[in-house]
Amino acid sequence: MCSVRPVTYVSGRSIQRLTAVALLPFRTTAPVNDILKNAVPALIALMGTGLAILIGYRQWKRQQDTTREGEFRSQKQQAYKELWEKLEDVHVRLRTEVVGNDDFRSLIRDVNSYILKRGLYLEKDDQRLANQYLSRVREFTNLAAASDSANAKQAISDTAQIPSDVIRTVRELGNIQTEVNQIREEILVRYRKVLIGDITAK
């Protein structure tokens, strides 16, 4: 004897529910895909903007640093040029005029005041050399003025080198003249380096 299975009827409403459940994954992923489509280009654009800002900032900072360095170099060169002029003004005055001790101290004070004010730009060694130079020039001119040689006194007054015959007679005068010339040459070399673009004189 055959058994007959009962027939189950599915209503239209049940079919709609089953279809909705089956399609649920597709409905939920569609908006995610839309979000990604919009978000990825926006994220790339944001990263590009950030990168452009960073590059722009670095270029601006480099330009600012270059400008500041150029200004500092220019002021340093000006300080060395003016100091050289002050040193040579004192040198010439010591050789062409009778400068008493009080006047000499006043000249030294003027140079040292300038050095203090421009200390930001002047190397310590150059400050020391400036004072050493003027001190030796003073000693040199005093020694020549005290000598019995008219030629030595004339050479000092003319800002010329002491004649060799006088140096042979007054050995100390020759030694001091040599030292003055060496210090002056050292100053010239150091100052020229700064003036042609070396930031430090070494």
N, C-alpha and C. Protein backbone atom coordinates (compact mmCIF):
# COMPACT_ATOMS: atom_id res chain seq x y z
N MET A 1 0.85 -1.17 0.00
CA MET A 1 0.00 0.00 0.00
C MET A 1 0.89 1.22 0.00
N CYS A 2 0.63 2.15 -0.85
CA CYS A 2 1.46 3.38 -0.96
C CYS A 2 0.96 4.39 0.02
N SER A 3 2.02 5.08 0.66
CA SER A 3 1.66 6.16 1.58
C SER A 3 1.66 7.48 0.82
N VAL A 4 0.76 8.31 1.12
CA VAL A 4 0.63 9.60 0.42
C VAL A 4 1.09 10.69 1.37
N ARG A 5 2.08 11.47 0.85
CA ARG A 5 2.60 12.58 1.68
C ARG A 5 1.64 13.76 1.58
N PRO A 6 1.47 14.40 2.69
CA PRO A 6 0.59 15.59 2.61
C PRO A 6 1.26 16.72 1.85
N VAL A 7 0.57 17.44 1.11
CA VAL A 7 1.10 18.57 0.31
C VAL A 7 1.10 19.81 1.18
N THR A 8 2.31 20.46 1.20
CA THR A 8 2.43 21.69 1.99
C THR A 8 2.29 22.87 1.05
N TYR A 9 1.45 23.71 1.41
CA TYR A 9 1.23 24.90 0.60
C TYR A 9 2.01 26.07 1.20
N VAL A 10 2.74 26.80 0.31
CA VAL A 10 3.52 27.99 0.75
C VAL A 10 2.80 29.22 0.25
N SER A 11 2.55 30.05 1.20
CA SER A 11 1.82 31.27 0.83
C SER A 11 2.75 32.26 0.13
N GLY A 12 2.17 33.21 -0.52
CA GLY A 12 2.94 34.26 -1.22
C GLY A 12 3.75 35.09 -0.26
N ARG A 13 3.19 35.27 0.92
CA ARG A 13 3.91 36.08 1.91
C ARG A 13 5.17 35.37 2.36
N SER A 14 5.13 34.09 2.52
CA SER A 14 6.30 33.32 2.94
C SER A 14 7.39 33.36 1.87
N ILE A 15 7.00 33.28 0.63
CA ILE A 15 7.96 33.35 -0.48
C ILE A 15 8.66 34.69 -0.48
N GLN A 16 7.91 35.73 -0.22
CA GLN A 16 8.52 37.07 -0.16
C GLN A 16 9.55 37.15 0.95
N ARG A 17 9.19 36.52 2.10
CA ARG A 17 10.14 36.53 3.23
C ARG A 17 11.41 35.78 2.88
N LEU A 18 11.26 34.62 2.27
CA LEU A 18 12.42 33.81 1.89
C LEU A 18 13.30 34.55 0.88
N THR A 19 12.70 35.22 -0.06
CA THR A 19 13.44 35.96 -1.08
C THR A 19 14.21 37.11 -0.44
N ALA A 20 13.57 37.79 0.51
CA ALA A 20 14.21 38.92 1.19
C ALA A 20 15.42 38.46 1.97
N VAL A 21 15.27 37.28 2.65
CA VAL A 21 16.41 36.75 3.43
C VAL A 21 17.55 36.36 2.51
N ALA A 22 17.23 35.73 1.37
CA ALA A 22 18.26 35.30 0.42
C ALA A 22 18.99 36.48 -0.19
N LEU A 23 18.29 37.58 -0.40
CA LEU A 23 18.90 38.75 -1.01
C LEU A 23 19.55 39.70 -0.01
N LEU A 24 19.43 39.41 1.27
CA LEU A 24 19.95 40.30 2.31
C LEU A 24 21.46 40.57 2.16
N PRO A 25 22.29 39.54 1.92
CA PRO A 25 23.73 39.84 1.77
C PRO A 25 24.02 40.78 0.62
N PHE A 26 23.28 40.66 -0.46
CA PHE A 26 23.53 41.54 -1.60
C PHE A 26 23.10 42.96 -1.32
N ARG A 27 22.07 43.13 -0.54
CA ARG A 27 21.60 44.47 -0.20
C ARG A 27 22.57 45.17 0.74
N THR A 28 23.17 44.46 1.68
CA THR A 28 24.07 45.08 2.66
C THR A 28 25.43 45.40 2.05
N THR A 29 25.90 44.62 1.06
CA THR A 29 27.22 44.89 0.47
C THR A 29 27.16 46.01 -0.55
N ALA A 30 26.04 46.26 -1.13
CA ALA A 30 25.95 47.31 -2.14
C ALA A 30 26.31 48.68 -1.57
N PRO A 31 25.77 49.10 -0.42
CA PRO A 31 26.16 50.40 0.13
C PRO A 31 27.64 50.45 0.53
N VAL A 32 28.23 49.34 1.02
CA VAL A 32 29.65 49.31 1.39
C VAL A 32 30.51 49.58 0.16
N ASN A 33 30.14 48.94 -0.95
CA ASN A 33 30.87 49.16 -2.20
C ASN A 33 30.78 50.62 -2.64
N ASP A 34 29.60 51.20 -2.46
CA ASP A 34 29.42 52.61 -2.82
C ASP A 34 30.29 53.50 -1.94
N ILE A 35 30.35 53.18 -0.64
CA ILE A 35 31.17 53.96 0.29
C ILE A 35 32.64 53.88 -0.10
N LEU A 36 33.09 52.65 -0.41
CA LEU A 36 34.50 52.48 -0.80
C LEU A 36 34.80 53.24 -2.09
N LYS A 37 33.86 53.21 -3.04
CA LYS A 37 34.08 53.92 -4.29
C LYS A 37 34.27 55.41 -4.06
N ASN A 38 33.58 55.97 -3.09
CA ASN A 38 33.69 57.39 -2.78
C ASN A 38 34.86 57.69 -1.84
N ALA A 39 35.11 56.78 -0.88
CA ALA A 39 36.11 57.03 0.15
C ALA A 39 37.54 56.93 -0.37
N VAL A 40 37.80 55.94 -1.23
CA VAL A 40 39.18 55.72 -1.71
C VAL A 40 39.70 56.93 -2.48
N PRO A 41 38.95 57.46 -3.46
CA PRO A 41 39.46 58.66 -4.15
C PRO A 41 39.63 59.85 -3.20
N ALA A 42 38.69 59.98 -2.25
CA ALA A 42 38.81 61.09 -1.29
C ALA A 42 40.06 60.95 -0.43
N LEU A 43 40.34 59.70 -0.01
CA LEU A 43 41.54 59.44 0.80
C LEU A 43 42.81 59.72 0.00
N ILE A 44 42.83 59.31 -1.26
CA ILE A 44 43.98 59.57 -2.13
C ILE A 44 44.18 61.07 -2.32
N ALA A 45 43.07 61.78 -2.52
CA ALA A 45 43.14 63.24 -2.70
C ALA A 45 43.67 63.91 -1.43
N LEU A 46 43.21 63.40 -0.26
CA LEU A 46 43.67 63.97 1.01
C LEU A 46 45.16 63.74 1.20
N MET A 47 45.62 62.52 0.87
CA MET A 47 47.05 62.22 0.98
C MET A 47 47.86 63.10 0.03
N GLY A 48 47.36 63.31 -1.17
CA GLY A 48 48.05 64.16 -2.14
C GLY A 48 48.14 65.59 -1.65
N THR A 49 47.05 66.08 -1.06
CA THR A 49 47.04 67.44 -0.51
C THR A 49 48.05 67.57 0.62
N GLY A 50 48.06 66.57 1.52
CA GLY A 50 49.02 66.59 2.64
C GLY A 50 50.45 66.58 2.16
N LEU A 51 50.71 65.76 1.14
CA LEU A 51 52.06 65.68 0.58
C LEU A 51 52.47 67.01 -0.06
N ALA A 52 51.54 67.62 -0.77
CA ALA A 52 51.83 68.92 -1.40
C ALA A 52 52.12 69.99 -0.36
N ILE A 53 51.35 69.96 0.74
CA ILE A 53 51.58 70.92 1.83
C ILE A 53 52.95 70.71 2.46
N LEU A 54 53.31 69.45 2.69
CA LEU A 54 54.61 69.12 3.29
C LEU A 54 55.76 69.58 2.39
N ILE A 55 55.65 69.31 1.10
CA ILE A 55 56.70 69.72 0.15
C ILE A 55 56.79 71.25 0.11
N GLY A 56 55.64 71.90 0.08
CA GLY A 56 55.62 73.37 0.06
C GLY A 56 56.25 73.97 1.30
N TYR A 57 55.96 73.36 2.46
CA TYR A 57 56.52 73.85 3.72
C TYR A 57 58.03 73.70 3.74
N ARG A 58 58.51 72.54 3.28
CA ARG A 58 59.97 72.29 3.26
C ARG A 58 60.68 73.28 2.34
N GLN A 59 60.08 73.56 1.19
CA GLN A 59 60.68 74.53 0.27
C GLN A 59 60.69 75.93 0.88
N TRP A 60 59.59 76.30 1.53
CA TRP A 60 59.51 77.61 2.18
C TRP A 60 60.54 77.74 3.28
N LYS A 61 60.69 76.69 4.10
CA LYS A 61 61.66 76.72 5.20
C LYS A 61 63.08 76.81 4.66
N ARG A 62 63.37 76.04 3.60
CA ARG A 62 64.70 76.09 3.01
C ARG A 62 64.99 77.50 2.47
N GLN A 63 63.99 78.12 1.88
CA GLN A 63 64.16 79.48 1.36
C GLN A 63 64.40 80.46 2.50
N GLN A 64 63.65 80.29 3.60
CA GLN A 64 63.83 81.16 4.76
C GLN A 64 65.23 81.01 5.35
N ASP A 65 65.68 79.74 5.47
CA ASP A 65 67.03 79.47 6.01
C ASP A 65 68.10 80.10 5.12
N THR A 66 67.92 79.97 3.80
CA THR A 66 68.88 80.56 2.86
C THR A 66 68.92 82.07 2.99
N THR A 67 67.75 82.68 3.14
CA THR A 67 67.67 84.14 3.30
C THR A 67 68.35 84.59 4.58
N ARG A 68 68.07 83.87 5.68
CA ARG A 68 68.70 84.23 6.97
C ARG A 68 70.21 84.07 6.90
N GLU A 69 70.66 82.97 6.29
CA GLU A 69 72.10 82.73 6.18
C GLU A 69 72.76 83.81 5.33
N GLY A 70 72.08 84.22 4.25
CA GLY A 70 72.62 85.28 3.39
C GLY A 70 72.72 86.61 4.12
N GLU A 71 71.71 86.92 4.92
CA GLU A 71 71.73 88.16 5.71
C GLU A 71 72.85 88.14 6.74
N PHE A 72 73.01 86.99 7.42
CA PHE A 72 74.06 86.86 8.42
C PHE A 72 75.44 87.00 7.78
N ARG A 73 75.62 86.34 6.64
CA ARG A 73 76.91 86.41 5.93
C ARG A 73 77.23 87.85 5.54
N SER A 74 76.21 88.56 5.03
CA SER A 74 76.40 89.94 4.61
C SER A 74 76.80 90.83 5.78
N GLN A 75 76.13 90.64 6.93
CA GLN A 75 76.43 91.45 8.11
C GLN A 75 77.81 91.11 8.67
N LYS A 76 78.17 89.84 8.60
CA LYS A 76 79.50 89.41 9.06
C LYS A 76 80.59 90.04 8.19
N GLN A 77 80.38 90.01 6.88
CA GLN A 77 81.35 90.62 5.97
C GLN A 77 81.49 92.12 6.23
N GLN A 78 80.37 92.76 6.48
CA GLN A 78 80.39 94.20 6.77
C GLN A 78 81.16 94.49 8.06
N ALA A 79 80.97 93.63 9.07
CA ALA A 79 81.67 93.81 10.35
C ALA A 79 83.18 93.68 10.16
N TYR A 80 83.61 92.71 9.38
CA TYR A 80 85.05 92.52 9.15
C TYR A 80 85.64 93.68 8.34
N LYS A 81 84.90 94.14 7.35
CA LYS A 81 85.37 95.26 6.52
C LYS A 81 85.54 96.51 7.38
N GLU A 82 84.57 96.79 8.22
CA GLU A 82 84.64 97.98 9.07
C GLU A 82 85.75 97.86 10.12
N LEU A 83 85.93 96.65 10.67
CA LEU A 83 87.00 96.46 11.65
C LEU A 83 88.36 96.68 10.99
N TRP A 84 88.54 96.16 9.79
CA TRP A 84 89.81 96.36 9.08
C TRP A 84 90.08 97.85 8.88
N GLU A 85 89.07 98.60 8.47
CA GLU A 85 89.24 100.04 8.27
C GLU A 85 89.61 100.75 9.57
N LYS A 86 89.00 100.33 10.67
CA LYS A 86 89.33 100.93 11.97
C LYS A 86 90.78 100.62 12.37
N LEU A 87 91.20 99.39 12.17
CA LEU A 87 92.58 99.01 12.51
C LEU A 87 93.58 99.81 11.70
N GLU A 88 93.33 99.93 10.41
CA GLU A 88 94.28 100.66 9.56
C GLU A 88 94.24 102.16 9.81
N ASP A 89 93.08 102.68 10.19
CA ASP A 89 93.01 104.11 10.58
C ASP A 89 93.91 104.38 11.78
N VAL A 90 93.86 103.47 12.77
CA VAL A 90 94.71 103.63 13.96
C VAL A 90 96.17 103.48 13.56
N HIS A 91 96.46 102.50 12.73
CA HIS A 91 97.84 102.26 12.27
C HIS A 91 98.41 103.52 11.62
N VAL A 92 97.65 104.07 10.67
CA VAL A 92 98.12 105.26 9.95
C VAL A 92 98.28 106.43 10.92
N ARG A 93 97.36 106.58 11.83
CA ARG A 93 97.44 107.70 12.77
C ARG A 93 98.67 107.58 13.68
N LEU A 94 98.95 106.35 14.11
CA LEU A 94 100.12 106.13 14.96
C LEU A 94 101.42 106.46 14.22
N ARG A 95 101.41 106.29 12.92
CA ARG A 95 102.63 106.52 12.14
C ARG A 95 102.77 107.95 11.66
N THR A 96 101.66 108.66 11.57
CA THR A 96 101.72 110.01 11.00
C THR A 96 101.53 111.12 12.02
N GLU A 97 101.10 110.76 13.24
CA GLU A 97 100.87 111.77 14.27
C GLU A 97 101.58 111.38 15.56
N VAL A 98 101.77 112.38 16.42
CA VAL A 98 102.27 112.09 17.75
C VAL A 98 101.05 111.76 18.61
N VAL A 99 100.96 110.51 19.01
CA VAL A 99 99.79 110.05 19.77
C VAL A 99 100.23 109.74 21.19
N GLY A 100 99.71 110.50 22.14
CA GLY A 100 100.04 110.27 23.56
C GLY A 100 99.35 109.02 24.09
N ASN A 101 99.72 108.64 25.29
CA ASN A 101 99.15 107.42 25.88
C ASN A 101 97.63 107.51 26.04
N ASP A 102 97.15 108.68 26.47
CA ASP A 102 95.70 108.84 26.65
C ASP A 102 94.97 108.72 25.32
N ASP A 103 95.56 109.34 24.29
CA ASP A 103 94.94 109.26 22.96
C ASP A 103 94.96 107.83 22.44
N PHE A 104 96.08 107.14 22.69
CA PHE A 104 96.17 105.75 22.22
C PHE A 104 95.13 104.87 22.92
N ARG A 105 94.98 105.07 24.22
CA ARG A 105 93.96 104.29 24.96
C ARG A 105 92.56 104.58 24.42
N SER A 106 92.33 105.83 24.03
CA SER A 106 91.04 106.19 23.46
C SER A 106 90.81 105.48 22.12
N LEU A 107 91.87 105.39 21.32
CA LEU A 107 91.76 104.69 20.03
C LEU A 107 91.48 103.20 20.24
N ILE A 108 92.21 102.61 21.19
CA ILE A 108 92.02 101.19 21.50
C ILE A 108 90.60 100.95 22.02
N ARG A 109 90.14 101.88 22.86
CA ARG A 109 88.79 101.75 23.43
C ARG A 109 87.74 101.79 22.32
N ASP A 110 87.96 102.65 21.34
CA ASP A 110 87.02 102.76 20.22
C ASP A 110 86.97 101.45 19.42
N VAL A 111 88.15 100.87 19.16
CA VAL A 111 88.21 99.60 18.42
C VAL A 111 87.55 98.49 19.22
N ASN A 112 87.87 98.42 20.51
CA ASN A 112 87.31 97.36 21.36
C ASN A 112 85.79 97.50 21.53
N SER A 113 85.31 98.73 21.56
CA SER A 113 83.86 98.95 21.64
C SER A 113 83.18 98.41 20.38
N TYR A 114 83.81 98.66 19.26
CA TYR A 114 83.27 98.14 18.00
C TYR A 114 83.27 96.61 18.02
N ILE A 115 84.36 96.02 18.48
CA ILE A 115 84.47 94.56 18.54
C ILE A 115 83.38 93.97 19.44
N LEU A 116 83.13 94.61 20.58
CA LEU A 116 82.09 94.13 21.49
C LEU A 116 80.71 94.19 20.84
N LYS A 117 80.43 95.28 20.15
CA LYS A 117 79.12 95.44 19.52
C LYS A 117 78.92 94.47 18.36
N ARG A 118 80.01 94.11 17.70
CA ARG A 118 79.91 93.20 16.55
C ARG A 118 80.38 91.78 16.90
N GLY A 119 80.43 91.49 18.19
CA GLY A 119 80.92 90.19 18.65
C GLY A 119 80.16 89.01 18.08
N LEU A 120 78.91 89.22 17.68
CA LEU A 120 78.11 88.14 17.08
C LEU A 120 78.72 87.67 15.77
N TYR A 121 79.41 88.57 15.07
CA TYR A 121 79.92 88.26 13.74
C TYR A 121 81.44 88.02 13.71
N LEU A 122 82.14 88.46 14.74
CA LEU A 122 83.61 88.39 14.74
C LEU A 122 84.09 87.18 15.54
N GLU A 123 85.01 86.43 14.95
CA GLU A 123 85.58 85.28 15.63
C GLU A 123 86.49 85.73 16.78
N LYS A 124 86.58 84.92 17.82
CA LYS A 124 87.40 85.25 18.98
C LYS A 124 88.86 85.50 18.60
N ASP A 125 89.39 84.65 17.73
CA ASP A 125 90.79 84.81 17.31
C ASP A 125 91.01 86.14 16.61
N ASP A 126 90.03 86.60 15.87
CA ASP A 126 90.17 87.88 15.16
C ASP A 126 90.11 89.05 16.12
N GLN A 127 89.33 88.93 17.17
CA GLN A 127 89.30 89.96 18.21
C GLN A 127 90.67 90.07 18.89
N ARG A 128 91.23 88.91 19.20
CA ARG A 128 92.55 88.87 19.85
C ARG A 128 93.62 89.45 18.93
N LEU A 129 93.60 89.06 17.65
CA LEU A 129 94.59 89.55 16.70
C LEU A 129 94.51 91.06 16.51
N ALA A 130 93.31 91.60 16.52
CA ALA A 130 93.14 93.05 16.34
C ALA A 130 93.87 93.81 17.45
N ASN A 131 93.69 93.38 18.69
CA ASN A 131 94.35 94.05 19.80
C ASN A 131 95.86 93.83 19.79
N GLN A 132 96.27 92.64 19.44
CA GLN A 132 97.70 92.33 19.36
C GLN A 132 98.36 93.19 18.28
N TYR A 133 97.67 93.33 17.17
CA TYR A 133 98.20 94.13 16.06
C TYR A 133 98.43 95.58 16.48
N LEU A 134 97.42 96.20 17.07
CA LEU A 134 97.54 97.61 17.46
C LEU A 134 98.59 97.80 18.55
N SER A 135 98.69 96.85 19.46
CA SER A 135 99.70 96.93 20.51
C SER A 135 101.11 96.90 19.93
N ARG A 136 101.33 96.02 18.95
CA ARG A 136 102.66 95.92 18.35
C ARG A 136 102.96 97.12 17.44
N VAL A 137 101.95 97.65 16.78
CA VAL A 137 102.15 98.86 15.97
C VAL A 137 102.55 100.02 16.88
N ARG A 138 101.89 100.10 18.02
CA ARG A 138 102.23 101.16 18.99
C ARG A 138 103.68 101.02 19.44
N GLU A 139 104.08 99.83 19.77
CA GLU A 139 105.45 99.58 20.22
C GLU A 139 106.44 99.91 19.10
N PHE A 140 106.08 99.53 17.91
CA PHE A 140 106.94 99.76 16.74
C PHE A 140 107.15 101.27 16.50
N THR A 141 106.05 102.03 16.50
CA THR A 141 106.16 103.47 16.22
C THR A 141 106.89 104.19 17.36
N ASN A 142 106.66 103.76 18.59
CA ASN A 142 107.37 104.37 19.72
C ASN A 142 108.87 104.13 19.62
N LEU A 143 109.24 102.91 19.27
CA LEU A 143 110.66 102.56 19.17
C LEU A 143 111.34 103.35 18.05
N ALA A 144 110.63 103.46 16.92
CA ALA A 144 111.20 104.21 15.80
C ALA A 144 111.33 105.70 16.15
N ALA A 145 110.32 106.23 16.83
CA ALA A 145 110.37 107.65 17.20
C ALA A 145 111.48 107.93 18.20
N ALA A 146 111.80 106.94 19.04
CA ALA A 146 112.83 107.12 20.06
C ALA A 146 114.24 106.89 19.53
N SER A 147 114.33 106.35 18.31
CA SER A 147 115.66 106.05 17.74
C SER A 147 116.33 107.34 17.27
N ASP A 148 117.63 107.27 17.05
CA ASP A 148 118.38 108.43 16.58
C ASP A 148 118.36 108.55 15.05
N SER A 149 117.69 107.60 14.40
CA SER A 149 117.70 107.56 12.94
C SER A 149 116.63 108.46 12.35
N ALA A 150 117.08 109.47 11.59
CA ALA A 150 116.13 110.33 10.88
C ALA A 150 115.40 109.55 9.80
N ASN A 151 116.12 108.56 9.19
CA ASN A 151 115.51 107.73 8.15
C ASN A 151 114.36 106.89 8.70
N ALA A 152 114.57 106.36 9.91
CA ALA A 152 113.52 105.56 10.54
C ALA A 152 112.30 106.41 10.83
N LYS A 153 112.53 107.60 11.36
CA LYS A 153 111.41 108.49 11.68
C LYS A 153 110.67 108.91 10.41
N GLN A 154 111.42 109.15 9.35
CA GLN A 154 110.81 109.54 8.08
C GLN A 154 109.98 108.39 7.50
N ALA A 155 110.53 107.18 7.58
CA ALA A 155 109.82 106.01 7.06
C ALA A 155 108.52 105.77 7.83
N ILE A 156 108.58 105.94 9.14
CA ILE A 156 107.38 105.78 9.96
C ILE A 156 106.34 106.81 9.54
N SER A 157 106.77 108.05 9.40
CA SER A 157 105.84 109.12 9.03
C SER A 157 105.25 108.91 7.65
N ASP A 158 106.05 108.35 6.74
CA ASP A 158 105.59 108.11 5.36
C ASP A 158 104.81 106.80 5.22
N THR A 159 104.60 106.12 6.35
CA THR A 159 103.95 104.79 6.39
C THR A 159 104.67 103.80 5.48
N ALA A 160 105.98 103.94 5.41
CA ALA A 160 106.78 103.04 4.59
C ALA A 160 107.51 102.04 5.48
N GLN A 161 108.17 101.06 4.84
CA GLN A 161 108.98 100.10 5.57
C GLN A 161 110.25 100.79 6.08
N ILE A 162 110.72 100.35 7.24
CA ILE A 162 111.97 100.89 7.78
C ILE A 162 113.12 100.45 6.87
N PRO A 163 114.00 101.37 6.48
CA PRO A 163 115.12 101.00 5.61
C PRO A 163 115.99 99.92 6.23
N SER A 164 116.55 99.07 5.36
CA SER A 164 117.35 97.93 5.84
C SER A 164 118.60 98.36 6.59
N ASP A 165 119.21 99.51 6.22
CA ASP A 165 120.41 99.96 6.93
C ASP A 165 120.08 100.36 8.36
N VAL A 166 118.86 100.91 8.54
CA VAL A 166 118.43 101.27 9.90
C VAL A 166 118.16 99.99 10.71
N ILE A 167 117.54 99.01 10.08
CA ILE A 167 117.24 97.74 10.76
C ILE A 167 118.53 97.06 11.22
N ARG A 168 119.57 97.16 10.39
CA ARG A 168 120.84 96.55 10.78
C ARG A 168 121.40 97.23 12.03
N THR A 169 121.14 98.54 12.15
CA THR A 169 121.64 99.28 13.30
C THR A 169 120.77 99.04 14.53
N VAL A 170 119.46 99.08 14.32
CA VAL A 170 118.52 98.90 15.44
C VAL A 170 117.81 97.56 15.24
N ARG A 171 118.42 96.50 15.74
CA ARG A 171 117.92 95.14 15.51
C ARG A 171 116.49 94.96 16.03
N GLU A 172 116.21 95.53 17.19
CA GLU A 172 114.88 95.36 17.80
C GLU A 172 113.80 95.96 16.92
N LEU A 173 114.12 97.06 16.28
CA LEU A 173 113.16 97.72 15.39
C LEU A 173 112.79 96.79 14.23
N GLY A 174 113.78 96.10 13.69
CA GLY A 174 113.53 95.15 12.60
C GLY A 174 112.66 94.00 13.05
N ASN A 175 112.92 93.50 14.26
CA ASN A 175 112.13 92.38 14.79
C ASN A 175 110.66 92.77 14.95
N ILE A 176 110.45 93.95 15.50
CA ILE A 176 109.07 94.39 15.73
C ILE A 176 108.37 94.67 14.39
N GLN A 177 109.11 95.28 13.44
CA GLN A 177 108.51 95.52 12.13
C GLN A 177 108.09 94.20 11.48
N THR A 178 108.95 93.19 11.60
CA THR A 178 108.62 91.87 11.04
C THR A 178 107.37 91.31 11.71
N GLU A 179 107.29 91.44 13.02
CA GLU A 179 106.12 90.92 13.75
C GLU A 179 104.85 91.66 13.36
N VAL A 180 104.95 92.98 13.24
CA VAL A 180 103.78 93.78 12.83
C VAL A 180 103.31 93.32 11.44
N ASN A 181 104.25 93.15 10.53
CA ASN A 181 103.89 92.72 9.17
C ASN A 181 103.26 91.34 9.15
N GLN A 182 103.79 90.44 9.99
CA GLN A 182 103.23 89.07 10.05
C GLN A 182 101.81 89.07 10.59
N ILE A 183 101.59 89.83 11.65
CA ILE A 183 100.24 89.90 12.23
C ILE A 183 99.28 90.53 11.23
N ARG A 184 99.75 91.60 10.57
CA ARG A 184 98.90 92.28 9.58
C ARG A 184 98.54 91.32 8.44
N GLU A 185 99.51 90.55 7.99
CA GLU A 185 99.25 89.60 6.90
C GLU A 185 98.27 88.52 7.33
N GLU A 186 98.41 88.05 8.58
CA GLU A 186 97.48 87.04 9.09
C GLU A 186 96.06 87.60 9.14
N ILE A 187 95.94 88.84 9.59
CA ILE A 187 94.62 89.48 9.63
C ILE A 187 94.05 89.61 8.22
N LEU A 188 94.90 90.04 7.29
CA LEU A 188 94.44 90.19 5.91
C LEU A 188 93.92 88.88 5.34
N VAL A 189 94.65 87.80 5.54
CA VAL A 189 94.25 86.49 5.02
C VAL A 189 92.91 86.07 5.62
N ARG A 190 92.78 86.22 6.93
CA ARG A 190 91.55 85.80 7.61
C ARG A 190 90.36 86.65 7.17
N TYR A 191 90.55 87.96 7.09
CA TYR A 191 89.46 88.84 6.72
C TYR A 191 89.04 88.63 5.26
N ARG A 192 90.02 88.40 4.39
CA ARG A 192 89.70 88.17 2.98
C ARG A 192 88.82 86.94 2.82
N LYS A 193 89.11 85.89 3.60
CA LYS A 193 88.31 84.67 3.52
C LYS A 193 86.84 84.96 3.83
N VAL A 194 86.62 85.79 4.84
CA VAL A 194 85.25 86.14 5.19
C VAL A 194 84.62 86.97 4.08
N LEU A 195 85.37 87.92 3.55
CA LEU A 195 84.81 88.84 2.56
C LEU A 195 84.52 88.16 1.22
N ILE A 196 85.24 87.07 0.90
CA ILE A 196 84.95 86.38 -0.36
C ILE A 196 83.93 85.26 -0.20
N GLY A 197 83.43 85.07 1.03
CA GLY A 197 82.33 84.13 1.20
C GLY A 197 82.52 83.04 2.21
N ASP A 198 83.72 82.84 2.74
CA ASP A 198 83.90 81.86 3.82
C ASP A 198 83.19 82.40 5.06
N ILE A 199 82.30 81.61 5.66
CA ILE A 199 81.55 82.10 6.82
C ILE A 199 82.43 82.23 8.05
N THR A 200 83.48 81.41 8.12
CA THR A 200 84.43 81.51 9.24
C THR A 200 85.82 81.73 8.69
N ALA A 201 86.60 82.51 9.40
CA ALA A 201 87.98 82.74 9.01
C ALA A 201 88.86 81.77 9.78
N LYS A 202 89.51 80.86 9.05
CA LYS A 202 90.36 79.86 9.72
C LYS A 202 91.73 79.87 9.09
